[in-house]
Protein backbone atom coordinates (compact mmCIF):
# COMPACT_ATOMS: atom_id res chain seq x y z
CA MET A 1 0.07 -0.01 0.23
CA ALA A 2 1.42 3.83 -0.26
CA ARG A 3 1.70 5.40 2.46
CA LEU A 4 3.20 9.33 2.06
CA ALA A 5 6.57 10.43 3.53
CA THR A 6 4.81 13.90 3.76
CA TYR A 7 2.03 15.85 3.45
CA VAL A 8 1.31 17.52 -0.13
CA HIS A 9 -1.09 19.25 -2.20
CA VAL A 10 -2.46 18.10 -4.95
CA ARG A 11 -5.47 19.63 -7.68
CA ASP A 12 -7.79 18.08 -9.26
CA ASP A 13 -9.05 18.10 -12.67
CA THR A 14 -10.57 20.71 -11.93
CA GLY A 15 -8.87 23.41 -9.61
CA LEU A 16 -9.47 22.13 -6.58
CA SER A 17 -7.18 21.72 -3.87
CA PHE A 18 -6.68 18.56 -1.90
CA THR A 19 -3.52 17.96 0.93
CA PHE A 20 -2.50 14.64 1.88
CA GLY A 21 -0.26 13.08 4.79
CA PRO A 22 1.04 10.47 5.78
CA ALA A 23 -2.28 9.07 7.40
CA ASP A 24 -4.27 9.42 4.86
CA GLU A 25 -5.37 7.32 2.30
CA VAL A 26 -4.31 8.46 -1.08
CA PRO A 27 -6.39 8.11 -4.61
CA ALA A 28 -5.27 6.98 -7.16
CA TRP A 29 -6.01 10.58 -8.85
CA ALA A 30 -4.20 12.60 -7.03
CA ALA A 31 -1.43 9.32 -6.47
CA SER A 32 -0.61 10.41 -10.07
CA LYS A 33 0.50 13.08 -9.52
CA ILE A 34 2.42 13.33 -7.04
CA ILE A 35 5.70 13.33 -8.91
CA ASN A 36 8.26 13.88 -6.49
CA PRO A 37 9.65 10.47 -5.13
CA LYS A 38 10.95 12.11 -2.22
CA ALA A 39 7.51 12.16 -0.63
CA TRP A 40 6.97 8.99 -0.14
CA ALA A 41 7.21 6.66 2.44
CA GLU A 42 5.94 3.53 -0.36
CA ALA A 43 5.70 4.24 -3.57
CA PRO A 44 2.12 3.22 -5.20
CA GLU A 45 2.57 0.06 -7.79
CA PRO A 46 2.78 2.39 -11.89
CA THR A 47 -0.30 3.02 -13.42
CA SER A 48 0.86 2.94 -16.41
CA ALA A 49 4.19 2.36 -18.73
CA ARG A 50 3.01 5.49 -19.74
CA ARG A 51 4.24 7.74 -16.34
CA LEU A 52 7.52 6.22 -15.93
CA THR A 53 8.79 7.74 -19.61
CA GLU A 54 7.28 10.33 -19.80
CA PRO A 55 8.71 13.66 -17.99
CA ALA A 56 6.56 16.02 -16.26
CA LYS A 57 5.07 18.45 -17.71
CA VAL A 58 7.13 21.75 -17.37
CA PRO A 59 4.18 24.31 -18.27
CA ALA A 60 6.20 27.77 -20.30
CA ARG A 61 7.62 30.30 -18.66
CA PRO A 62 4.80 33.87 -19.81
CA ARG A 63 6.80 35.92 -21.51
CA ALA A 64 8.71 39.03 -20.01
CA ARG A 65 6.94 41.97 -20.55
CA ARG A 66 8.41 45.48 -21.89
CA LYS A 67 9.28 48.73 -19.32
CA ALA A 68 7.53 51.71 -19.62
CA GLY A 69 9.06 54.87 -20.88
CA THR A 70 9.66 57.78 -19.21
CA ASP A 71 6.48 59.84 -17.99
CA ALA A 72 8.07 62.35 -20.41
CA ALA A 73 8.02 60.16 -23.31
CA VAL A 74 4.41 59.28 -22.42
CA HIS A 75 2.44 63.16 -22.60
CA ASP A 76 3.99 65.61 -24.67
CA ASP A 77 3.63 68.72 -22.09
């Protein structure tokens, strides 16, 4: 049986956040989202080969915003 070593926060597919700890039973949907091996005291059985071979998807970084010009450049006085 899979058991956590620490407390983790996991978001479901709708965006709701859940907290699981060492004494909690972790549902399969949440266990599949906990990818840090240090979070587990006893890791769960892999549910698919895809999870083992594909790296976790990292969200793209937002583009850097341009700095606003000086007040003199914006207003002609």
